[in-house]
Amino acid sequence: MDRQKGKFRAFLLAALTNFLANDWHKQQTWRQRGRRQIVSLDELVAERLYRHEPVDWLTPEKHFERQWALAVVKQVLGRLQQEYVLGGKAALFAKLEPALTGDVAQPRIDIP
């Protein structure tokens, strides 16, 4: 009998024995804990932080485009308001603005 083969067989036997023992301990621990799931504290912190964040299915590119478009519309409305104020028609702009921004479904406008 070759000594090298005997050592390898002993190594395999020890490895298998250790594996089975570790697996048995893991199963016993699982049973003793009552199959409770361990939750990382990091997960709890992240969940608390992002629980109230709005869900947004937009890609980052679409989100950027939307934010850019909203900034352009806001800037245009500001310039338009400035023109109406300089023209002495601030009251008219105040009546028209809800129709421009979509705040009112059917605006009632009384133009003198």
N, C-alpha and C. Protein backbone atom coordinates (compact mmCIF):
# COMPACT_ATOMS: atom_id res chain seq x y z
N MET A 1 0.85 -1.17 0.00
CA MET A 1 0.00 0.00 0.00
C MET A 1 0.89 1.23 0.00
N ASP A 2 0.49 2.21 -0.81
CA ASP A 2 1.28 3.45 -0.97
C ASP A 2 0.90 4.43 0.15
N ARG A 3 1.92 4.97 0.80
CA ARG A 3 1.66 5.91 1.90
C ARG A 3 0.99 7.18 1.41
N GLN A 4 1.30 7.67 0.21
CA GLN A 4 0.69 8.89 -0.33
C GLN A 4 -0.82 8.71 -0.47
N LYS A 5 -1.26 7.54 -0.92
CA LYS A 5 -2.70 7.29 -1.07
C LYS A 5 -3.38 7.28 0.30
N GLY A 6 -2.72 6.73 1.28
CA GLY A 6 -3.28 6.68 2.63
C GLY A 6 -3.46 8.07 3.21
N LYS A 7 -2.49 8.94 2.99
CA LYS A 7 -2.59 10.31 3.51
C LYS A 7 -3.71 11.08 2.82
N PHE A 8 -3.84 10.85 1.53
CA PHE A 8 -4.90 11.55 0.79
C PHE A 8 -6.28 11.07 1.25
N ARG A 9 -6.39 9.76 1.46
CA ARG A 9 -7.66 9.21 1.94
C ARG A 9 -7.99 9.75 3.33
N ALA A 10 -7.01 9.87 4.17
CA ALA A 10 -7.22 10.42 5.52
C ALA A 10 -7.64 11.89 5.42
N PHE A 11 -7.03 12.62 4.50
CA PHE A 11 -7.40 14.02 4.30
C PHE A 11 -8.85 14.13 3.84
N LEU A 12 -9.25 13.30 2.85
CA LEU A 12 -10.63 13.33 2.36
C LEU A 12 -11.61 12.96 3.47
N LEU A 13 -11.27 11.94 4.26
CA LEU A 13 -12.15 11.53 5.35
C LEU A 13 -12.32 12.65 6.37
N ALA A 14 -11.21 13.31 6.74
CA ALA A 14 -11.28 14.42 7.70
C ALA A 14 -12.08 15.58 7.13
N ALA A 15 -11.89 15.90 5.85
CA ALA A 15 -12.63 16.99 5.22
C ALA A 15 -14.13 16.70 5.21
N LEU A 16 -14.49 15.46 4.85
CA LEU A 16 -15.90 15.08 4.83
C LEU A 16 -16.50 15.11 6.23
N THR A 17 -15.76 14.62 7.20
CA THR A 17 -16.24 14.62 8.59
C THR A 17 -16.47 16.05 9.08
N ASN A 18 -15.53 16.93 8.79
CA ASN A 18 -15.68 18.34 9.20
C ASN A 18 -16.88 18.99 8.50
N PHE A 19 -17.04 18.70 7.23
CA PHE A 19 -18.16 19.27 6.48
C PHE A 19 -19.49 18.82 7.09
N LEU A 20 -19.61 17.52 7.34
CA LEU A 20 -20.85 16.99 7.91
C LEU A 20 -21.11 17.54 9.31
N ALA A 21 -20.06 17.69 10.10
CA ALA A 21 -20.22 18.25 11.45
C ALA A 21 -20.68 19.70 11.38
N ASN A 22 -20.08 20.49 10.50
CA ASN A 22 -20.49 21.89 10.34
C ASN A 22 -21.93 21.99 9.86
N ASP A 23 -22.30 21.12 8.93
CA ASP A 23 -23.67 21.15 8.42
C ASP A 23 -24.65 20.76 9.52
N TRP A 24 -24.30 19.77 10.33
CA TRP A 24 -25.17 19.36 11.43
C TRP A 24 -25.36 20.50 12.42
N HIS A 25 -24.26 21.19 12.76
CA HIS A 25 -24.36 22.32 13.70
C HIS A 25 -25.22 23.44 13.11
N LYS A 26 -25.07 23.67 11.85
CA LYS A 26 -25.87 24.71 11.20
C LYS A 26 -27.35 24.36 11.25
N GLN A 27 -27.69 23.10 10.99
CA GLN A 27 -29.08 22.67 11.04
C GLN A 27 -29.64 22.78 12.46
N GLN A 28 -28.85 22.40 13.45
CA GLN A 28 -29.30 22.48 14.84
C GLN A 28 -29.54 23.93 15.25
N THR A 29 -28.65 24.81 14.85
CA THR A 29 -28.79 26.22 15.18
C THR A 29 -30.06 26.77 14.53
N TRP A 30 -30.31 26.36 13.30
CA TRP A 30 -31.50 26.81 12.56
C TRP A 30 -32.76 26.36 13.31
N ARG A 31 -32.77 25.14 13.80
CA ARG A 31 -33.94 24.63 14.53
C ARG A 31 -34.13 25.34 15.86
N GLN A 32 -33.03 25.60 16.56
CA GLN A 32 -33.11 26.24 17.87
C GLN A 32 -33.59 27.68 17.77
N ARG A 33 -33.24 28.35 16.69
CA ARG A 33 -33.66 29.74 16.53
C ARG A 33 -35.12 29.85 16.12
N GLY A 34 -35.75 28.75 15.82
CA GLY A 34 -37.15 28.81 15.40
C GLY A 34 -37.30 29.35 14.00
N ARG A 35 -36.30 29.15 13.19
CA ARG A 35 -36.31 29.57 11.78
C ARG A 35 -36.55 31.07 11.63
N ARG A 36 -35.97 31.82 12.53
CA ARG A 36 -36.05 33.27 12.44
C ARG A 36 -35.03 33.76 11.43
N GLN A 37 -35.39 34.81 10.76
CA GLN A 37 -34.48 35.38 9.78
C GLN A 37 -33.64 36.46 10.44
N ILE A 38 -32.36 36.43 10.19
CA ILE A 38 -31.46 37.45 10.74
C ILE A 38 -31.48 38.63 9.78
N VAL A 39 -31.77 39.81 10.32
CA VAL A 39 -31.82 41.02 9.51
C VAL A 39 -30.67 41.92 9.93
N SER A 40 -29.93 42.35 8.96
CA SER A 40 -28.79 43.21 9.24
C SER A 40 -29.27 44.58 9.69
N LEU A 41 -28.55 45.18 10.64
CA LEU A 41 -28.90 46.52 11.09
C LEU A 41 -28.73 47.53 9.97
N ASP A 42 -27.78 47.28 9.07
CA ASP A 42 -27.60 48.17 7.93
C ASP A 42 -28.85 48.19 7.05
N GLU A 43 -29.49 47.03 6.89
CA GLU A 43 -30.71 46.97 6.11
C GLU A 43 -31.82 47.77 6.77
N LEU A 44 -31.90 47.71 8.10
CA LEU A 44 -32.94 48.45 8.81
C LEU A 44 -32.74 49.95 8.65
N VAL A 45 -31.50 50.40 8.73
CA VAL A 45 -31.21 51.83 8.56
C VAL A 45 -31.57 52.27 7.15
N ALA A 46 -31.20 51.49 6.15
CA ALA A 46 -31.51 51.84 4.77
C ALA A 46 -33.02 51.86 4.55
N GLU A 47 -33.71 50.87 5.11
CA GLU A 47 -35.16 50.82 4.94
C GLU A 47 -35.82 52.04 5.57
N ARG A 48 -35.35 52.44 6.74
CA ARG A 48 -35.92 53.61 7.41
C ARG A 48 -35.65 54.88 6.60
N LEU A 49 -34.47 54.97 6.01
CA LEU A 49 -34.12 56.16 5.24
C LEU A 49 -34.94 56.30 3.97
N TYR A 50 -35.16 55.18 3.28
CA TYR A 50 -35.79 55.24 1.97
C TYR A 50 -37.25 54.85 1.97
N ARG A 51 -37.84 54.59 3.14
CA ARG A 51 -39.23 54.18 3.21
C ARG A 51 -40.18 55.24 2.64
N HIS A 52 -39.87 56.50 2.88
CA HIS A 52 -40.77 57.56 2.47
C HIS A 52 -40.37 58.22 1.16
N GLU A 53 -39.38 57.67 0.48
CA GLU A 53 -38.97 58.21 -0.82
C GLU A 53 -40.01 57.80 -1.86
N PRO A 54 -40.33 58.69 -2.78
CA PRO A 54 -41.30 58.32 -3.81
C PRO A 54 -40.68 57.28 -4.76
N VAL A 55 -41.55 56.40 -5.22
CA VAL A 55 -41.10 55.39 -6.18
C VAL A 55 -41.10 56.04 -7.55
N ASP A 56 -39.98 55.95 -8.22
CA ASP A 56 -39.85 56.56 -9.54
C ASP A 56 -39.32 55.51 -10.50
N TRP A 57 -40.13 55.16 -11.48
CA TRP A 57 -39.75 54.12 -12.42
C TRP A 57 -38.98 54.68 -13.60
N LEU A 58 -38.68 55.97 -13.58
CA LEU A 58 -37.96 56.58 -14.69
C LEU A 58 -36.48 56.20 -14.64
N THR A 59 -35.91 56.11 -15.81
CA THR A 59 -34.46 55.89 -15.86
C THR A 59 -33.80 57.21 -15.46
N PRO A 60 -32.53 57.19 -15.08
CA PRO A 60 -31.86 58.44 -14.74
C PRO A 60 -31.87 59.45 -15.88
N GLU A 61 -31.78 58.96 -17.11
CA GLU A 61 -31.81 59.87 -18.27
C GLU A 61 -33.17 60.56 -18.39
N LYS A 62 -34.24 59.78 -18.24
CA LYS A 62 -35.59 60.36 -18.33
C LYS A 62 -35.84 61.32 -17.17
N HIS A 63 -35.35 60.97 -16.01
CA HIS A 63 -35.51 61.85 -14.85
C HIS A 63 -34.79 63.17 -15.09
N PHE A 64 -33.59 63.12 -15.63
CA PHE A 64 -32.84 64.34 -15.95
C PHE A 64 -33.60 65.18 -16.97
N GLU A 65 -34.10 64.54 -18.02
CA GLU A 65 -34.85 65.27 -19.05
C GLU A 65 -36.09 65.94 -18.46
N ARG A 66 -36.78 65.24 -17.59
CA ARG A 66 -37.98 65.80 -16.96
C ARG A 66 -37.62 67.02 -16.11
N GLN A 67 -36.56 66.89 -15.30
CA GLN A 67 -36.14 68.00 -14.45
C GLN A 67 -35.68 69.19 -15.29
N TRP A 68 -34.99 68.90 -16.38
CA TRP A 68 -34.53 69.96 -17.27
C TRP A 68 -35.73 70.67 -17.89
N ALA A 69 -36.73 69.91 -18.38
CA ALA A 69 -37.92 70.51 -18.98
C ALA A 69 -38.68 71.35 -17.96
N LEU A 70 -38.80 70.87 -16.74
CA LEU A 70 -39.49 71.65 -15.71
C LEU A 70 -38.75 72.94 -15.40
N ALA A 71 -37.42 72.90 -15.42
CA ALA A 71 -36.64 74.12 -15.17
C ALA A 71 -36.83 75.12 -16.30
N VAL A 72 -36.91 74.63 -17.55
CA VAL A 72 -37.13 75.52 -18.70
C VAL A 72 -38.51 76.16 -18.60
N VAL A 73 -39.52 75.37 -18.29
CA VAL A 73 -40.88 75.91 -18.17
C VAL A 73 -40.95 76.94 -17.05
N LYS A 74 -40.30 76.66 -15.94
CA LYS A 74 -40.30 77.61 -14.82
C LYS A 74 -39.63 78.92 -15.22
N GLN A 75 -38.53 78.83 -15.95
CA GLN A 75 -37.83 80.04 -16.40
C GLN A 75 -38.68 80.82 -17.38
N VAL A 76 -39.35 80.14 -18.30
CA VAL A 76 -40.22 80.82 -19.27
C VAL A 76 -41.38 81.51 -18.57
N LEU A 77 -41.99 80.83 -17.61
CA LEU A 77 -43.10 81.45 -16.87
C LEU A 77 -42.63 82.68 -16.10
N GLY A 78 -41.42 82.61 -15.54
CA GLY A 78 -40.87 83.77 -14.84
C GLY A 78 -40.67 84.95 -15.76
N ARG A 79 -40.14 84.69 -16.95
CA ARG A 79 -39.94 85.78 -17.93
C ARG A 79 -41.27 86.35 -18.41
N LEU A 80 -42.25 85.45 -18.63
CA LEU A 80 -43.56 85.91 -19.08
C LEU A 80 -44.23 86.77 -18.00
N GLN A 81 -44.12 86.35 -16.77
CA GLN A 81 -44.68 87.13 -15.68
C GLN A 81 -44.00 88.51 -15.62
N GLN A 82 -42.69 88.51 -15.79
CA GLN A 82 -41.96 89.78 -15.75
C GLN A 82 -42.44 90.71 -16.87
N GLU A 83 -42.67 90.17 -18.05
CA GLU A 83 -43.18 90.99 -19.16
C GLU A 83 -44.56 91.56 -18.85
N TYR A 84 -45.44 90.74 -18.29
CA TYR A 84 -46.78 91.22 -17.95
C TYR A 84 -46.72 92.29 -16.86
N VAL A 85 -45.85 92.08 -15.86
CA VAL A 85 -45.72 93.07 -14.78
C VAL A 85 -45.20 94.39 -15.35
N LEU A 86 -44.18 94.32 -16.20
CA LEU A 86 -43.63 95.54 -16.80
C LEU A 86 -44.64 96.23 -17.72
N GLY A 87 -45.54 95.45 -18.31
CA GLY A 87 -46.58 96.02 -19.17
C GLY A 87 -47.80 96.47 -18.40
N GLY A 88 -47.77 96.37 -17.09
CA GLY A 88 -48.91 96.81 -16.27
C GLY A 88 -50.06 95.82 -16.28
N LYS A 89 -49.80 94.56 -16.62
CA LYS A 89 -50.88 93.57 -16.70
C LYS A 89 -50.64 92.41 -15.72
N ALA A 90 -50.17 92.72 -14.54
CA ALA A 90 -49.89 91.70 -13.54
C ALA A 90 -51.15 90.95 -13.14
N ALA A 91 -52.27 91.65 -13.04
CA ALA A 91 -53.53 91.01 -12.65
C ALA A 91 -53.98 90.01 -13.72
N LEU A 92 -53.78 90.38 -15.00
CA LEU A 92 -54.15 89.48 -16.09
C LEU A 92 -53.28 88.21 -16.04
N PHE A 93 -51.99 88.39 -15.79
CA PHE A 93 -51.11 87.22 -15.70
C PHE A 93 -51.52 86.32 -14.54
N ALA A 94 -51.91 86.91 -13.41
CA ALA A 94 -52.34 86.13 -12.26
C ALA A 94 -53.56 85.27 -12.60
N LYS A 95 -54.42 85.78 -13.48
CA LYS A 95 -55.59 85.01 -13.89
C LYS A 95 -55.23 83.95 -14.94
N LEU A 96 -54.25 84.25 -15.79
CA LEU A 96 -53.88 83.32 -16.85
C LEU A 96 -52.94 82.20 -16.38
N GLU A 97 -52.17 82.47 -15.36
CA GLU A 97 -51.14 81.51 -14.93
C GLU A 97 -51.69 80.12 -14.60
N PRO A 98 -52.83 79.99 -13.90
CA PRO A 98 -53.34 78.63 -13.65
C PRO A 98 -53.63 77.86 -14.93
N ALA A 99 -54.07 78.55 -15.97
CA ALA A 99 -54.33 77.87 -17.23
C ALA A 99 -53.03 77.45 -17.91
N LEU A 100 -51.98 78.23 -17.73
CA LEU A 100 -50.69 77.90 -18.33
C LEU A 100 -49.99 76.73 -17.63
N THR A 101 -50.17 76.64 -16.33
CA THR A 101 -49.49 75.60 -15.56
C THR A 101 -50.33 74.35 -15.38
N GLY A 102 -51.60 74.41 -15.76
CA GLY A 102 -52.46 73.24 -15.63
C GLY A 102 -53.04 73.09 -14.24
N ASP A 103 -53.02 74.13 -13.43
CA ASP A 103 -53.56 74.06 -12.08
C ASP A 103 -55.09 74.05 -12.06
N VAL A 104 -55.70 74.54 -13.12
CA VAL A 104 -57.15 74.64 -13.18
C VAL A 104 -57.64 73.90 -14.41
N ALA A 105 -58.68 73.07 -14.24
CA ALA A 105 -59.21 72.30 -15.38
C ALA A 105 -59.87 73.20 -16.41
N GLN A 106 -60.74 74.09 -15.96
CA GLN A 106 -61.41 75.02 -16.86
C GLN A 106 -61.33 76.41 -16.26
N PRO A 107 -60.28 77.14 -16.59
CA PRO A 107 -60.16 78.49 -16.00
C PRO A 107 -61.24 79.43 -16.54
N ARG A 108 -61.73 80.27 -15.63
CA ARG A 108 -62.67 81.29 -16.04
C ARG A 108 -61.92 82.60 -16.09
N ILE A 109 -61.81 83.15 -17.29
CA ILE A 109 -61.03 84.35 -17.48
C ILE A 109 -61.95 85.48 -17.91
N ASP A 110 -61.93 86.58 -17.16
CA ASP A 110 -62.70 87.76 -17.52
C ASP A 110 -61.71 88.80 -18.01
N ILE A 111 -61.62 88.95 -19.31
CA ILE A 111 -60.69 89.91 -19.89
C ILE A 111 -61.46 91.19 -20.20
N PRO A 112 -61.00 92.31 -19.66
CA PRO A 112 -61.71 93.56 -19.89
C PRO A 112 -61.57 94.06 -21.32
